[in-house]
């Protein structure tokens, strides 16, 4: 889930603020931070959420790939082609890039 904090920091990394319950109306700005409009924050939230959603296949792949140790062992004993065929391709086929 993308948060208001992530959106604000993506717009202004140095912003100092607080808010409650993911409510744009509850933002308080501190230490001379120039306020960011709710519209700009919402736009950034939407962009970050779309990016997160578009990369779901990567998260699914990551959880299914074997450990690096097992992958390196496969490469050492059976070679790169066998590693790709047995360990990488099945996961990529199961979770294709959109």
PDB file of N, CA and C in Angstrom:
ATOM      1  N   UNK A   1       0.846  -1.182   0.000  1.00  0.00           N
ATOM      2  CA  UNK A   1       0.000   0.000   0.000  1.00  0.00           C
ATOM      3  C   UNK A   1       0.892   1.246   0.000  1.00  0.00           C
ATOM      4  N   UNK A   2       0.531   2.193  -0.829  1.00  0.00           N
ATOM      5  CA  UNK A   2       1.272   3.442  -0.900  1.00  0.00           C
ATOM      6  C   UNK A   2       0.699   4.413   0.126  1.00  0.00           C
ATOM      7  N   UNK A   3       1.567   5.137   0.820  1.00  0.00           N
ATOM      8  CA  UNK A   3       1.127   6.029   1.888  1.00  0.00           C
ATOM      9  C   UNK A   3       1.288   7.494   1.501  1.00  0.00           C
ATOM     10  N   UNK A   4       0.596   8.339   2.236  1.00  0.00           N
ATOM     11  CA  UNK A   4       0.740   9.786   2.074  1.00  0.00           C
ATOM     12  C   UNK A   4       2.200  10.180   2.292  1.00  0.00           C
ATOM     13  N   UNK A   5       2.834   9.603   3.262  1.00  0.00           N
ATOM     14  CA  UNK A   5       4.227   9.911   3.556  1.00  0.00           C
ATOM     15  C   UNK A   5       5.119   9.612   2.357  1.00  0.00           C
ATOM     16  N   UNK A   6       4.927   8.477   1.710  1.00  0.00           N
ATOM     17  CA  UNK A   6       5.722   8.132   0.529  1.00  0.00           C
ATOM     18  C   UNK A   6       5.496   9.134  -0.594  1.00  0.00           C
ATOM     19  N   UNK A   7       4.257   9.564  -0.772  1.00  0.00           N
ATOM     20  CA  UNK A   7       3.943  10.527  -1.824  1.00  0.00           C
ATOM     21  C   UNK A   7       4.590  11.875  -1.532  1.00  0.00           C
ATOM     22  N   UNK A   8       4.481  12.341  -0.308  1.00  0.00           N
ATOM     23  CA  UNK A   8       5.077  13.632   0.053  1.00  0.00           C
ATOM     24  C   UNK A   8       6.592  13.575  -0.105  1.00  0.00           C
ATOM     25  N   UNK A   9       7.209  12.522   0.388  1.00  0.00           N
ATOM     26  CA  UNK A   9       8.666  12.400   0.293  1.00  0.00           C
ATOM     27  C   UNK A   9       9.125  12.275  -1.164  1.00  0.00           C
ATOM     28  N   UNK A  10       8.284  11.711  -2.030  1.00  0.00           N
ATOM     29  CA  UNK A  10       8.627  11.632  -3.452  1.00  0.00           C
ATOM     30  C   UNK A  10       8.595  13.016  -4.096  1.00  0.00           C
ATOM     31  N   UNK A  11       7.763  13.886  -3.572  1.00  0.00           N
ATOM     32  CA  UNK A  11       7.672  15.262  -4.085  1.00  0.00           C
ATOM     33  C   UNK A  11       8.762  16.132  -3.470  1.00  0.00           C
ATOM     34  N   UNK A  12       8.926  16.032  -2.141  1.00  0.00           N
ATOM     35  CA  UNK A  12       9.918  16.843  -1.420  1.00  0.00           C
ATOM     36  C   UNK A  12      10.525  15.988  -0.313  1.00  0.00           C
ATOM     37  N   UNK A  13      11.694  15.445  -0.592  1.00  0.00           N
ATOM     38  CA  UNK A  13      12.334  14.532   0.350  1.00  0.00           C
ATOM     39  C   UNK A  13      12.587  15.171   1.714  1.00  0.00           C
ATOM     40  N   UNK A  14      12.776  16.479   1.749  1.00  0.00           N
ATOM     41  CA  UNK A  14      13.106  17.151   3.003  1.00  0.00           C
ATOM     42  C   UNK A  14      11.875  17.654   3.768  1.00  0.00           C
ATOM     43  N   UNK A  15      10.701  17.415   3.258  1.00  0.00           N
ATOM     44  CA  UNK A  15       9.478  17.900   3.911  1.00  0.00           C
ATOM     45  C   UNK A  15       9.364  17.329   5.324  1.00  0.00           C
ATOM     46  N   UNK A  16       8.904  18.188   6.237  1.00  0.00           N
ATOM     47  CA  UNK A  16       8.643  17.769   7.610  1.00  0.00           C
ATOM     48  C   UNK A  16       7.162  17.978   7.874  1.00  0.00           C
ATOM     49  N   UNK A  17       6.514  16.934   8.344  1.00  0.00           N
ATOM     50  CA  UNK A  17       5.053  16.957   8.458  1.00  0.00           C
ATOM     51  C   UNK A  17       4.585  15.820   9.359  1.00  0.00           C
ATOM     52  N   UNK A  18       3.304  15.865   9.678  1.00  0.00           N
ATOM     53  CA  UNK A  18       2.641  14.736  10.322  1.00  0.00           C
ATOM     54  C   UNK A  18       1.218  14.691   9.800  1.00  0.00           C
ATOM     55  N   UNK A  19       0.615  13.536   9.914  1.00  0.00           N
ATOM     56  CA  UNK A  19      -0.779  13.363   9.502  1.00  0.00           C
ATOM     57  C   UNK A  19      -1.323  12.151  10.238  1.00  0.00           C
ATOM     58  N   UNK A  20      -2.627  11.961  10.132  1.00  0.00           N
ATOM     59  CA  UNK A  20      -3.265  10.878  10.859  1.00  0.00           C
ATOM     60  C   UNK A  20      -4.182  10.081   9.941  1.00  0.00           C
ATOM     61  N   UNK A  21      -4.171   8.784  10.104  1.00  0.00           N
ATOM     62  CA  UNK A  21      -5.114   7.881   9.446  1.00  0.00           C
ATOM     63  C   UNK A  21      -5.179   8.031   7.932  1.00  0.00           C
ATOM     64  N   UNK A  22      -4.045   8.296   7.285  1.00  0.00           N
ATOM     65  CA  UNK A  22      -3.992   8.445   5.829  1.00  0.00           C
ATOM     66  C   UNK A  22      -5.035   9.454   5.337  1.00  0.00           C
ATOM     67  N   UNK A  23      -5.201  10.540   6.090  1.00  0.00           N
ATOM     68  CA  UNK A  23      -6.168  11.591   5.771  1.00  0.00           C
ATOM     69  C   UNK A  23      -5.430  12.839   5.287  1.00  0.00           C
ATOM     70  N   UNK A  24      -5.624  13.197   4.023  1.00  0.00           N
ATOM     71  CA  UNK A  24      -4.960  14.369   3.452  1.00  0.00           C
ATOM     72  C   UNK A  24      -5.332  15.656   4.172  1.00  0.00           C
ATOM     73  N   UNK A  25      -6.504  15.690   4.766  1.00  0.00           N
ATOM     74  CA  UNK A  25      -6.943  16.897   5.476  1.00  0.00           C
ATOM     75  C   UNK A  25      -6.278  17.056   6.840  1.00  0.00           C
ATOM     76  N   UNK A  26      -5.562  16.039   7.293  1.00  0.00           N
ATOM     77  CA  UNK A  26      -4.965  16.109   8.628  1.00  0.00           C
ATOM     78  C   UNK A  26      -3.481  16.486   8.602  1.00  0.00           C
ATOM     79  N   UNK A  27      -2.943  16.824   7.444  1.00  0.00           N
ATOM     80  CA  UNK A  27      -1.508  17.114   7.338  1.00  0.00           C
ATOM     81  C   UNK A  27      -1.176  18.434   8.018  1.00  0.00           C
ATOM     82  N   UNK A  28      -0.151  18.390   8.849  1.00  0.00           N
ATOM     83  CA  UNK A  28       0.411  19.588   9.469  1.00  0.00           C
ATOM     84  C   UNK A  28       1.868  19.678   9.013  1.00  0.00           C
ATOM     85  N   UNK A  29       2.251  20.849   8.514  1.00  0.00           N
ATOM     86  CA  UNK A  29       3.605  21.069   8.007  1.00  0.00           C
ATOM     87  C   UNK A  29       4.456  21.730   9.079  1.00  0.00           C
ATOM     88  N   UNK A  30       5.737  21.345   9.171  1.00  0.00           N
ATOM     89  CA  UNK A  30       6.638  21.856  10.199  1.00  0.00           C
ATOM     90  C   UNK A  30       7.895  22.482   9.595  1.00  0.00           C
ATOM     91  N   UNK A  31       8.560  23.297  10.421  1.00  0.00           N
ATOM     92  CA  UNK A  31       9.878  23.863  10.130  1.00  0.00           C
ATOM     93  C   UNK A  31       9.982  24.509   8.744  1.00  0.00           C
ATOM     94  N   UNK A  32       9.026  25.366   8.473  1.00  0.00           N
ATOM     95  CA  UNK A  32       9.021  26.138   7.225  1.00  0.00           C
ATOM     96  C   UNK A  32       8.943  25.293   5.964  1.00  0.00           C
ATOM     97  N   UNK A  33       8.434  24.077   6.084  1.00  0.00           N
ATOM     98  CA  UNK A  33       8.206  23.269   4.889  1.00  0.00           C
ATOM     99  C   UNK A  33       7.085  23.912   4.085  1.00  0.00           C
ATOM    100  N   UNK A  34       7.337  24.151   2.818  1.00  0.00           N
ATOM    101  CA  UNK A  34       6.293  24.699   1.949  1.00  0.00           C
ATOM    102  C   UNK A  34       5.214  23.648   1.775  1.00  0.00           C
ATOM    103  N   UNK A  35       3.981  23.972   2.116  1.00  0.00           N
ATOM    104  CA  UNK A  35       2.894  22.991   1.976  1.00  0.00           C
ATOM    105  C   UNK A  35       2.731  22.537   0.521  1.00  0.00           C
ATOM    106  N   UNK A  36       2.404  21.283   0.364  1.00  0.00           N
ATOM    107  CA  UNK A  36       2.126  20.695  -0.937  1.00  0.00           C
ATOM    108  C   UNK A  36       0.612  20.532  -1.026  1.00  0.00           C
ATOM    109  N   UNK A  37       0.041  20.914  -2.146  1.00  0.00           N
ATOM    110  CA  UNK A  37      -1.414  20.844  -2.273  1.00  0.00           C
ATOM    111  C   UNK A  37      -1.909  19.404  -2.180  1.00  0.00           C
ATOM    112  N   UNK A  38      -3.136  19.258  -1.690  1.00  0.00           N
ATOM    113  CA  UNK A  38      -3.741  17.934  -1.593  1.00  0.00           C
ATOM    114  C   UNK A  38      -3.849  17.297  -2.979  1.00  0.00           C
ATOM    115  N   UNK A  39      -4.115  18.117  -3.982  1.00  0.00           N
ATOM    116  CA  UNK A  39      -4.238  17.607  -5.350  1.00  0.00           C
ATOM    117  C   UNK A  39      -2.904  17.019  -5.835  1.00  0.00           C
ATOM    118  N   UNK A  40      -1.802  17.732  -5.553  1.00  0.00           N
ATOM    119  CA  UNK A  40      -0.489  17.236  -5.967  1.00  0.00           C
ATOM    120  C   UNK A  40      -0.121  15.949  -5.223  1.00  0.00           C
ATOM    121  N   UNK A  41      -0.470  15.889  -3.949  1.00  0.00           N
ATOM    122  CA  UNK A  41      -0.197  14.678  -3.170  1.00  0.00           C
ATOM    123  C   UNK A  41      -1.028  13.516  -3.712  1.00  0.00           C
ATOM    124  N   UNK A  42      -2.303  13.776  -4.001  1.00  0.00           N
ATOM    125  CA  UNK A  42      -3.164  12.713  -4.526  1.00  0.00           C
ATOM    126  C   UNK A  42      -2.676  12.231  -5.889  1.00  0.00           C
ATOM    127  N   UNK A  43      -2.233  13.161  -6.726  1.00  0.00           N
ATOM    128  CA  UNK A  43      -1.688  12.777  -8.031  1.00  0.00           C
ATOM    129  C   UNK A  43      -0.479  11.874  -7.862  1.00  0.00           C
ATOM    130  N   UNK A  44       0.412  12.242  -6.948  1.00  0.00           N
ATOM    131  CA  UNK A  44       1.601  11.429  -6.703  1.00  0.00           C
ATOM    132  C   UNK A  44       1.210  10.074  -6.111  1.00  0.00           C
ATOM    133  N   UNK A  45       0.225  10.051  -5.208  1.00  0.00           N
ATOM    134  CA  UNK A  45      -0.266   8.784  -4.655  1.00  0.00           C
ATOM    135  C   UNK A  45      -0.748   7.872  -5.781  1.00  0.00           C
ATOM    136  N   UNK A  46      -1.519   8.435  -6.707  1.00  0.00           N
ATOM    137  CA  UNK A  46      -2.043   7.655  -7.829  1.00  0.00           C
ATOM    138  C   UNK A  46      -0.914   7.116  -8.705  1.00  0.00           C
ATOM    139  N   UNK A  47       0.110   7.940  -8.954  1.00  0.00           N
ATOM    140  CA  UNK A  47       1.264   7.511  -9.757  1.00  0.00           C
ATOM    141  C   UNK A  47       2.011   6.370  -9.061  1.00  0.00           C
ATOM    142  N   UNK A  48       2.255   6.520  -7.764  1.00  0.00           N
ATOM    143  CA  UNK A  48       2.986   5.494  -7.018  1.00  0.00           C
ATOM    144  C   UNK A  48       2.202   4.193  -6.948  1.00  0.00           C
ATOM    145  N   UNK A  49       0.880   4.296  -6.775  1.00  0.00           N
ATOM    146  CA  UNK A  49       0.040   3.098  -6.732  1.00  0.00           C
ATOM    147  C   UNK A  49       0.054   2.393  -8.088  1.00  0.00           C
ATOM    148  N   UNK A  50      -0.036   3.154  -9.169  1.00  0.00           N
ATOM    149  CA  UNK A  50      -0.003   2.558 -10.506  1.00  0.00           C
ATOM    150  C   UNK A  50       1.331   1.849 -10.732  1.00  0.00           C
ATOM    151  N   UNK A  51       2.413   2.481 -10.318  1.00  0.00           N
ATOM    152  CA  UNK A  51       3.728   1.874 -10.461  1.00  0.00           C
ATOM    153  C   UNK A  51       3.812   0.579  -9.652  1.00  0.00           C
ATOM    154  N   UNK A  52       3.313   0.614  -8.429  1.00  0.00           N
ATOM    155  CA  UNK A  52       3.292  -0.578  -7.575  1.00  0.00           C
ATOM    156  C   UNK A  52       2.479  -1.689  -8.232  1.00  0.00           C
ATOM    157  N   UNK A  53       1.283  -1.352  -8.716  1.00  0.00           N
ATOM    158  CA  UNK A  53       0.412  -2.347  -9.343  1.00  0.00           C
ATOM    159  C   UNK A  53       1.041  -2.919 -10.613  1.00  0.00           C
ATOM    160  N   UNK A  54       1.698  -2.075 -11.394  1.00  0.00           N
ATOM    161  CA  UNK A  54       2.303  -2.517 -12.650  1.00  0.00           C
ATOM    162  C   UNK A  54       3.497  -3.439 -12.439  1.00  0.00           C
ATOM    163  N   UNK A  55       4.047  -3.449 -11.243  1.00  0.00           N
ATOM    164  CA  UNK A  55       5.206  -4.290 -10.960  1.00  0.00           C
ATOM    165  C   UNK A  55       4.868  -5.484 -10.074  1.00  0.00           C
ATOM    166  N   UNK A  56       3.605  -5.842 -10.020  1.00  0.00           N
ATOM    167  CA  UNK A  56       3.187  -6.975  -9.212  1.00  0.00           C
ATOM    168  C   UNK A  56       3.883  -8.261  -9.649  1.00  0.00           C
ATOM    169  N   UNK A  57       4.065  -8.413 -10.953  1.00  0.00           N
ATOM    170  CA  UNK A  57       4.724  -9.624 -11.448  1.00  0.00           C
ATOM    171  C   UNK A  57       6.126  -9.785 -10.835  1.00  0.00           C
ATOM    172  N   UNK A  58       6.834  -8.659 -10.595  1.00  0.00           N
ATOM    173  CA  UNK A  58       8.174  -8.735 -10.012  1.00  0.00           C
ATOM    174  C   UNK A  58       8.117  -9.264  -8.585  1.00  0.00           C
ATOM    175  N   UNK A  59       7.140  -8.790  -7.820  1.00  0.00           N
ATOM    176  CA  UNK A  59       7.014  -9.253  -6.437  1.00  0.00           C
ATOM    177  C   UNK A  59       6.663 -10.735  -6.395  1.00  0.00           C
ATOM    178  N   UNK A  60       5.812 -11.170  -7.298  1.00  0.00           N
ATOM    179  CA  UNK A  60       5.449 -12.588  -7.341  1.00  0.00           C
ATOM    180  C   UNK A  60       6.650 -13.439  -7.728  1.00  0.00           C
ATOM    181  N   UNK A  61       7.418 -12.977  -8.718  1.00  0.00           N
ATOM    182  CA  UNK A  61       8.612 -13.709  -9.124  1.00  0.00           C
ATOM    183  C   UNK A  61       9.593 -13.820  -7.964  1.00  0.00           C
ATOM    184  N   UNK A  62       9.842 -12.705  -7.300  1.00  0.00           N
ATOM    185  CA  UNK A  62      10.819 -12.693  -6.199  1.00  0.00           C
ATOM    186  C   UNK A  62      10.498 -13.739  -5.142  1.00  0.00           C
ATOM    187  N   UNK A  63       9.223 -13.916  -4.852  1.00  0.00           N
ATOM    188  CA  UNK A  63       8.854 -14.857  -3.794  1.00  0.00           C
ATOM    189  C   UNK A  63       8.983 -16.314  -4.237  1.00  0.00           C
ATOM    190  N   UNK A  64       9.086 -16.553  -5.539  1.00  0.00           N
ATOM    191  CA  UNK A  64       9.143 -17.936  -6.030  1.00  0.00           C
ATOM    192  C   UNK A  64      10.514 -18.388  -6.522  1.00  0.00           C
ATOM    193  N   UNK A  65      11.411 -17.455  -6.767  1.00  0.00           N
ATOM    194  CA  UNK A  65      12.750 -17.877  -7.178  1.00  0.00           C
ATOM    195  C   UNK A  65      13.431 -18.622  -6.034  1.00  0.00           C
ATOM    196  N   UNK A  66      14.213 -19.632  -6.376  1.00  0.00           N
ATOM    197  CA  UNK A  66      14.988 -20.318  -5.329  1.00  0.00           C
ATOM    198  C   UNK A  66      16.011 -19.362  -4.712  1.00  0.00           C
ATOM    199  N   UNK A  67      16.544 -19.748  -3.586  1.00  0.00           N
ATOM    200  CA  UNK A  67      17.551 -18.921  -2.920  1.00  0.00           C
ATOM    201  C   UNK A  67      18.765 -18.751  -3.830  1.00  0.00           C
ATOM    202  N   UNK A  68      19.514 -17.686  -3.606  1.00  0.00           N
ATOM    203  CA  UNK A  68      20.736 -17.445  -4.378  1.00  0.00           C
ATOM    204  C   UNK A  68      21.694 -18.626  -4.217  1.00  0.00           C
ATOM    205  N   UNK A  69      21.785 -19.159  -3.014  1.00  0.00           N
ATOM    206  CA  UNK A  69      22.666 -20.302  -2.757  1.00  0.00           C
ATOM    207  C   UNK A  69      22.289 -21.467  -3.663  1.00  0.00           C
ATOM    208  N   UNK A  70      20.999 -21.779  -3.740  1.00  0.00           N
ATOM    209  CA  UNK A  70      20.557 -22.891  -4.589  1.00  0.00           C
ATOM    210  C   UNK A  70      20.781 -22.590  -6.067  1.00  0.00           C
ATOM    211  N   UNK A  71      20.584 -21.337  -6.453  1.00  0.00           N
ATOM    212  CA  UNK A  71      20.808 -20.970  -7.853  1.00  0.00           C
ATOM    213  C   UNK A  71      22.286 -21.104  -8.230  1.00  0.00           C
ATOM    214  N   UNK A  72      23.155 -20.613  -7.366  1.00  0.00           N
ATOM    215  CA  UNK A  72      24.586 -20.707  -7.653  1.00  0.00           C
ATOM    216  C   UNK A  72      25.051 -22.162  -7.691  1.00  0.00           C
ATOM    217  N   UNK A  73      24.506 -22.971  -6.819  1.00  0.00           N
ATOM    218  CA  UNK A  73      24.840 -24.392  -6.810  1.00  0.00           C
ATOM    219  C   UNK A  73      24.414 -25.038  -8.131  1.00  0.00           C
ATOM    220  N   UNK A  74      23.241 -24.696  -8.609  1.00  0.00           N
ATOM    221  CA  UNK A  74      22.733 -25.228  -9.892  1.00  0.00           C
ATOM    222  C   UNK A  74      23.661 -24.800 -11.037  1.00  0.00           C
ATOM    223  N   UNK A  75      24.042 -23.546 -11.056  1.00  0.00           N
ATOM    224  CA  UNK A  75      24.938 -23.041 -12.100  1.00  0.00           C
ATOM    225  C   UNK A  75      26.274 -23.777 -12.047  1.00  0.00           C
ATOM    226  N   UNK A  76      26.819 -23.946 -10.865  1.00  0.00           N
ATOM    227  CA  UNK A  76      28.125 -24.603 -10.707  1.00  0.00           C
ATOM    228  C   UNK A  76      28.089 -26.054 -11.210  1.00  0.00           C
ATOM    229  N   UNK A  77      27.039 -26.773 -10.819  1.00  0.00           N
ATOM    230  CA  UNK A  77      26.978 -28.197 -11.136  1.00  0.00           C
ATOM    231  C   UNK A  77      26.400 -28.505 -12.507  1.00  0.00           C
ATOM    232  N   UNK A  78      25.497 -27.637 -13.009  1.00  0.00           N
ATOM    233  CA  UNK A  78      24.799 -27.994 -14.248  1.00  0.00           C
ATOM    234  C   UNK A  78      24.896 -26.935 -15.341  1.00  0.00           C
ATOM    235  N   UNK A  79      25.445 -25.765 -15.024  1.00  0.00           N
ATOM    236  CA  UNK A  79      25.639 -24.746 -16.046  1.00  0.00           C
ATOM    237  C   UNK A  79      24.501 -23.733 -16.141  1.00  0.00           C
ATOM    238  N   UNK A  80      24.811 -22.639 -16.816  1.00  0.00           N
ATOM    239  CA  UNK A  80      23.877 -21.515 -16.954  1.00  0.00           C
ATOM    240  C   UNK A  80      22.603 -21.922 -17.689  1.00  0.00           C
ATOM    241  N   UNK A  81      22.739 -22.666 -18.781  1.00  0.00           N
ATOM    242  CA  UNK A  81      21.557 -23.021 -19.571  1.00  0.00           C
ATOM    243  C   UNK A  81      20.568 -23.851 -18.759  1.00  0.00           C
ATOM    244  N   UNK A  82      21.071 -24.793 -17.992  1.00  0.00           N
ATOM    245  CA  UNK A  82      20.195 -25.641 -17.159  1.00  0.00           C
ATOM    246  C   UNK A  82      19.549 -24.809 -16.049  1.00  0.00           C
ATOM    247  N   UNK A  83      20.306 -23.873 -15.483  1.00  0.00           N
ATOM    248  CA  UNK A  83      19.784 -22.957 -14.458  1.00  0.00           C
ATOM    249  C   UNK A  83      18.617 -22.142 -15.021  1.00  0.00           C
ATOM    250  N   UNK A  84      18.832 -21.566 -16.198  1.00  0.00           N
ATOM    251  CA  UNK A  84      17.765 -20.775 -16.831  1.00  0.00           C
ATOM    252  C   UNK A  84      16.533 -21.635 -17.091  1.00  0.00           C
ATOM    253  N   UNK A  85      16.767 -22.815 -17.645  1.00  0.00           N
ATOM    254  CA  UNK A  85      15.664 -23.702 -18.028  1.00  0.00           C
ATOM    255  C   UNK A  85      14.882 -24.217 -16.817  1.00  0.00           C
ATOM    256  N   UNK A  86      15.580 -24.616 -15.766  1.00  0.00           N
ATOM    257  CA  UNK A  86      14.935 -25.263 -14.621  1.00  0.00           C
ATOM    258  C   UNK A  86      14.469 -24.304 -13.533  1.00  0.00           C
ATOM    259  N   UNK A  87      15.176 -23.195 -13.346  1.00  0.00           N
ATOM    260  CA  UNK A  87      14.887 -22.332 -12.200  1.00  0.00           C
ATOM    261  C   UNK A  87      14.283 -20.980 -12.574  1.00  0.00           C
ATOM    262  N   UNK A  88      14.698 -20.428 -13.675  1.00  0.00           N
ATOM    263  CA  UNK A  88      14.288 -19.069 -14.004  1.00  0.00           C
ATOM    264  C   UNK A  88      13.083 -19.048 -14.944  1.00  0.00           C
ATOM    265  N   UNK A  89      13.162 -19.781 -16.033  1.00  0.00           N
ATOM    266  CA  UNK A  89      12.093 -19.746 -17.029  1.00  0.00           C
ATOM    267  C   UNK A  89      10.725 -20.146 -16.467  1.00  0.00           C
ATOM    268  N   UNK A  90      10.621 -21.198 -15.645  1.00  0.00           N
ATOM    269  CA  UNK A  90       9.295 -21.550 -15.118  1.00  0.00           C
ATOM    270  C   UNK A  90       8.635 -20.412 -14.318  1.00  0.00           C
ATOM    271  N   UNK A  91       9.432 -19.684 -13.557  1.00  0.00           N
ATOM    272  CA  UNK A  91       8.883 -18.574 -12.760  1.00  0.00           C
ATOM    273  C   UNK A  91       8.485 -17.421 -13.679  1.00  0.00           C
ATOM    274  N   UNK A  92       9.325 -17.114 -14.654  1.00  0.00           N
ATOM    275  CA  UNK A  92       9.002 -16.039 -15.596  1.00  0.00           C
ATOM    276  C   UNK A  92       7.767 -16.396 -16.415  1.00  0.00           C
ATOM    277  N   UNK A  93       7.628 -17.653 -16.801  1.00  0.00           N
ATOM    278  CA  UNK A  93       6.451 -18.075 -17.559  1.00  0.00           C
ATOM    279  C   UNK A  93       5.184 -17.997 -16.716  1.00  0.00           C
ATOM    280  N   UNK A  94       5.311 -18.337 -15.442  1.00  0.00           N
ATOM    281  CA  UNK A  94       4.155 -18.305 -14.524  1.00  0.00           C
ATOM    282  C   UNK A  94       3.701 -16.873 -14.259  1.00  0.00           C
ATOM    283  N   UNK A  95       4.653 -15.935 -14.187  1.00  0.00           N
ATOM    284  CA  UNK A  95       4.356 -14.529 -13.894  1.00  0.00           C
ATOM    285  C   UNK A  95       4.964 -13.660 -14.988  1.00  0.00           C
ATOM    286  N   UNK A  96       4.332 -13.616 -16.175  1.00  0.00           N
ATOM    287  CA  UNK A  96       4.917 -12.865 -17.286  1.00  0.00           C
ATOM    288  C   UNK A  96       4.886 -11.362 -17.047  1.00  0.00           C
ATOM    289  N   UNK A  97       5.841 -10.713 -17.674  1.00  0.00           N
ATOM    290  CA  UNK A  97       5.899  -9.258 -17.629  1.00  0.00           C
ATOM    291  C   UNK A  97       4.751  -8.723 -18.502  1.00  0.00           C
ATOM    292  N   UNK A  98       3.964  -7.789 -17.979  1.00  0.00           N
ATOM    293  CA  UNK A  98       2.838  -7.291 -18.786  1.00  0.00           C
ATOM    294  C   UNK A  98       3.293  -6.534 -20.024  1.00  0.00           C
TER     295      UNK A  98
END
